Amino acid sequence: MQPKDYPPQDALAEFAQPYAAEVMKRADGLAAKDVLYGDDPYQSVGIHKPLHPNGAVFAFIHGGGWTNGYKEWNDFMAPAFTGQGVTFVSIGYRLAPMHLFPAGLDEQLGI
């Protein structure tokens, strides 16, 4: 998925907008396999598989204060891991205000 494919979020703070644009630029051309774990499109993981897996998995949860952000913000990191045989997984979660904290955290913890 791409950020444009998600339901709208609260506006990103002005100081954070350059970061969001930069990480998406760095991830250009990197595609993850998206796997849904709930009914909400934010409840998904992006899986980047290495050509030669070594059995290790690194899972990363994006920032955004539980109110904004996309798992795709982390995709730029995938080549550093997959190049070493590590499967890189970027985790999305439901956001506030529609799903108040700790809803996003609870689903990460399986609560």
C-alpha atoms as a PDB file:
ATOM      1  CA  MET A   1       0.000   0.000   0.000  1.00  0.00           C
ATOM      2  CA  GLN A   2       0.911   3.646  -0.194  1.00  0.00           C
ATOM      3  CA  PRO A   3      -0.174   6.511   2.098  1.00  0.00           C
ATOM      4  CA  LYS A   4      -2.693   7.662  -0.507  1.00  0.00           C
ATOM      5  CA  ASP A   5      -4.451   4.269  -0.180  1.00  0.00           C
ATOM      6  CA  TYR A   6      -5.347   4.757   3.503  1.00  0.00           C
ATOM      7  CA  PRO A   7      -8.257   6.620   5.083  1.00  0.00           C
ATOM      8  CA  PRO A   8      -7.365  10.229   6.004  1.00  0.00           C
ATOM      9  CA  GLN A   9      -5.340  10.990   9.128  1.00  0.00           C
ATOM     10  CA  ASP A  10      -4.945  14.080  11.275  1.00  0.00           C
ATOM     11  CA  ALA A  11      -2.715  16.589   9.528  1.00  0.00           C
ATOM     12  CA  LEU A  12       0.984  15.931   9.970  1.00  0.00           C
ATOM     13  CA  ALA A  13       2.799  18.632  11.966  1.00  0.00           C
ATOM     14  CA  GLU A  14       4.653  21.073   9.749  1.00  0.00           C
ATOM     15  CA  PHE A  15       8.042  20.135  11.215  1.00  0.00           C
ATOM     16  CA  ALA A  16       7.409  16.440  10.398  1.00  0.00           C
ATOM     17  CA  GLN A  17       6.395  16.927   6.767  1.00  0.00           C
ATOM     18  CA  PRO A  18       9.971  17.031   5.379  1.00  0.00           C
ATOM     19  CA  TYR A  19      10.774  13.770   7.205  1.00  0.00           C
ATOM     20  CA  ALA A  20       7.705  12.038   5.754  1.00  0.00           C
ATOM     21  CA  ALA A  21       8.562  13.210   2.245  1.00  0.00           C
ATOM     22  CA  GLU A  22      12.204  12.122   2.583  1.00  0.00           C
ATOM     23  CA  VAL A  23      11.527   8.593   3.853  1.00  0.00           C
ATOM     24  CA  MET A  24       8.965   8.016   1.108  1.00  0.00           C
ATOM     25  CA  LYS A  25      11.480   9.260  -1.470  1.00  0.00           C
ATOM     26  CA  ARG A  26      14.134   6.884  -0.112  1.00  0.00           C
ATOM     27  CA  ALA A  27      11.657   3.988  -0.292  1.00  0.00           C
ATOM     28  CA  ASP A  28      10.699   4.663  -3.895  1.00  0.00           C
ATOM     29  CA  GLY A  29      10.705   1.382  -5.792  1.00  0.00           C
ATOM     30  CA  LEU A  30      10.744  -0.818  -2.684  1.00  0.00           C
ATOM     31  CA  ALA A  31       7.664  -2.991  -2.477  1.00  0.00           C
ATOM     32  CA  ALA A  32       6.640  -5.030   0.524  1.00  0.00           C
ATOM     33  CA  LYS A  33       4.157  -7.872   0.638  1.00  0.00           C
ATOM     34  CA  ASP A  34       1.192  -6.449   2.567  1.00  0.00           C
ATOM     35  CA  VAL A  35      -0.595  -8.749   4.983  1.00  0.00           C
ATOM     36  CA  LEU A  36      -3.733  -7.615   6.818  1.00  0.00           C
ATOM     37  CA  TYR A  37      -4.296  -8.720  10.412  1.00  0.00           C
ATOM     38  CA  GLY A  38      -7.616  -6.921  10.957  1.00  0.00           C
ATOM     39  CA  ASP A  39     -10.488  -5.202   9.191  1.00  0.00           C
ATOM     40  CA  ASP A  40      -8.940  -1.719   9.275  1.00  0.00           C
ATOM     41  CA  PRO A  41      -6.471  -0.988   6.436  1.00  0.00           C
ATOM     42  CA  TYR A  42      -4.032   0.341   9.035  1.00  0.00           C
ATOM     43  CA  GLN A  43      -3.947  -3.132  10.586  1.00  0.00           C
ATOM     44  CA  SER A  44      -1.342  -4.524   8.252  1.00  0.00           C
ATOM     45  CA  VAL A  45       2.278  -5.499   8.044  1.00  0.00           C
ATOM     46  CA  GLY A  46       4.651  -5.016   5.151  1.00  0.00           C
ATOM     47  CA  ILE A  47       7.081  -7.883   4.682  1.00  0.00           C
ATOM     48  CA  HIS A  48      10.370  -7.470   2.833  1.00  0.00           C
ATOM     49  CA  LYS A  49      11.942 -10.851   2.150  1.00  0.00           C
ATOM     50  CA  PRO A  50      15.660 -11.244   1.461  1.00  0.00           C
ATOM     51  CA  LEU A  51      16.931 -13.205  -1.529  1.00  0.00           C
ATOM     52  CA  HIS A  52      18.895 -15.451   0.818  1.00  0.00           C
ATOM     53  CA  PRO A  53      17.105 -15.561   4.199  1.00  0.00           C
ATOM     54  CA  ASN A  54      19.131 -16.455   7.277  1.00  0.00           C
ATOM     55  CA  GLY A  55      16.075 -17.043   9.496  1.00  0.00           C
ATOM     56  CA  ALA A  56      16.256 -13.716  11.347  1.00  0.00           C
ATOM     57  CA  VAL A  57      13.320 -11.289  11.381  1.00  0.00           C
ATOM     58  CA  PHE A  58      13.409  -7.611  12.339  1.00  0.00           C
ATOM     59  CA  ALA A  59      10.005  -6.053  13.079  1.00  0.00           C
ATOM     60  CA  PHE A  60       9.632  -2.274  13.302  1.00  0.00           C
ATOM     61  CA  ILE A  61       6.646  -0.169  14.414  1.00  0.00           C
ATOM     62  CA  HIS A  62       6.450   3.324  12.908  1.00  0.00           C
ATOM     63  CA  GLY A  63       6.324   6.493  14.985  1.00  0.00           C
ATOM     64  CA  GLY A  64       3.682   9.196  14.850  1.00  0.00           C
ATOM     65  CA  GLY A  65       2.422   9.551  18.396  1.00  0.00           C
ATOM     66  CA  TRP A  66      -0.331   6.961  17.804  1.00  0.00           C
ATOM     67  CA  THR A  67      -2.194   9.625  15.735  1.00  0.00           C
ATOM     68  CA  ASN A  68      -0.510   9.502  12.344  1.00  0.00           C
ATOM     69  CA  GLY A  69       2.043   7.662  10.271  1.00  0.00           C
ATOM     70  CA  TYR A  70       2.312   4.754   7.891  1.00  0.00           C
ATOM     71  CA  LYS A  71       4.180   1.478   7.985  1.00  0.00           C
ATOM     72  CA  GLU A  72       5.554   2.459   4.563  1.00  0.00           C
ATOM     73  CA  TRP A  73       7.627   5.171   6.273  1.00  0.00           C
ATOM     74  CA  ASN A  74       9.979   2.353   7.331  1.00  0.00           C
ATOM     75  CA  ASP A  75      10.426   0.706   3.931  1.00  0.00           C
ATOM     76  CA  PHE A  76      13.606   2.668   3.212  1.00  0.00           C
ATOM     77  CA  MET A  77      15.335   0.631   5.938  1.00  0.00           C
ATOM     78  CA  ALA A  78      14.523  -2.746   4.380  1.00  0.00           C
ATOM     79  CA  PRO A  79      17.554  -3.086   2.045  1.00  0.00           C
ATOM     80  CA  ALA A  80      20.001  -2.763   4.953  1.00  0.00           C
ATOM     81  CA  PHE A  81      18.366  -5.784   6.577  1.00  0.00           C
ATOM     82  CA  THR A  82      17.433  -7.888   3.572  1.00  0.00           C
ATOM     83  CA  GLY A  83      20.956  -7.453   2.204  1.00  0.00           C
ATOM     84  CA  GLN A  84      22.157  -9.334   5.285  1.00  0.00           C
ATOM     85  CA  GLY A  85      19.548 -12.089   4.954  1.00  0.00           C
ATOM     86  CA  VAL A  86      17.155 -10.618   7.532  1.00  0.00           C
ATOM     87  CA  THR A  87      13.415 -10.440   6.813  1.00  0.00           C
ATOM     88  CA  PHE A  88      12.268  -6.869   7.499  1.00  0.00           C
ATOM     89  CA  VAL A  89       8.684  -6.394   8.725  1.00  0.00           C
ATOM     90  CA  SER A  90       7.090  -2.960   9.065  1.00  0.00           C
ATOM     91  CA  ILE A  91       4.019  -2.946  11.303  1.00  0.00           C
ATOM     92  CA  GLY A  92       0.986  -0.683  10.967  1.00  0.00           C
ATOM     93  CA  TYR A  93      -1.705  -0.082  13.558  1.00  0.00           C
ATOM     94  CA  ARG A  94      -5.005   1.749  14.021  1.00  0.00           C
ATOM     95  CA  LEU A  95      -4.655   5.439  14.828  1.00  0.00           C
ATOM     96  CA  ALA A  96      -6.262   7.952  17.174  1.00  0.00           C
ATOM     97  CA  PRO A  97      -8.594   9.776  17.301  1.00  0.00           C
ATOM     98  CA  MET A  98     -10.743   7.033  15.751  1.00  0.00           C
ATOM     99  CA  HIS A  99      -9.009   4.415  17.915  1.00  0.00           C
ATOM    100  CA  LEU A 100      -7.810   5.999  21.132  1.00  0.00           C
ATOM    101  CA  PHE A 101      -4.545   5.023  22.739  1.00  0.00           C
ATOM    102  CA  PRO A 102      -3.771   2.293  23.748  1.00  0.00           C
ATOM    103  CA  ALA A 103      -5.761   0.573  20.947  1.00  0.00           C
ATOM    104  CA  GLY A 104      -2.799   0.596  18.514  1.00  0.00           C
ATOM    105  CA  LEU A 105      -0.384  -0.582  21.200  1.00  0.00           C
ATOM    106  CA  ASP A 106      -2.746  -3.283  22.433  1.00  0.00           C
ATOM    107  CA  GLU A 107      -3.023  -4.842  18.986  1.00  0.00           C
ATOM    108  CA  GLN A 108       0.779  -4.886  18.703  1.00  0.00           C
ATOM    109  CA  LEU A 109       0.950  -6.722  22.006  1.00  0.00           C
ATOM    110  CA  GLY A 110      -1.917  -9.055  21.142  1.00  0.00           C
ATOM    111  CA  ILE A 111      -4.055  -7.782  24.011  1.00  0.00           C
END
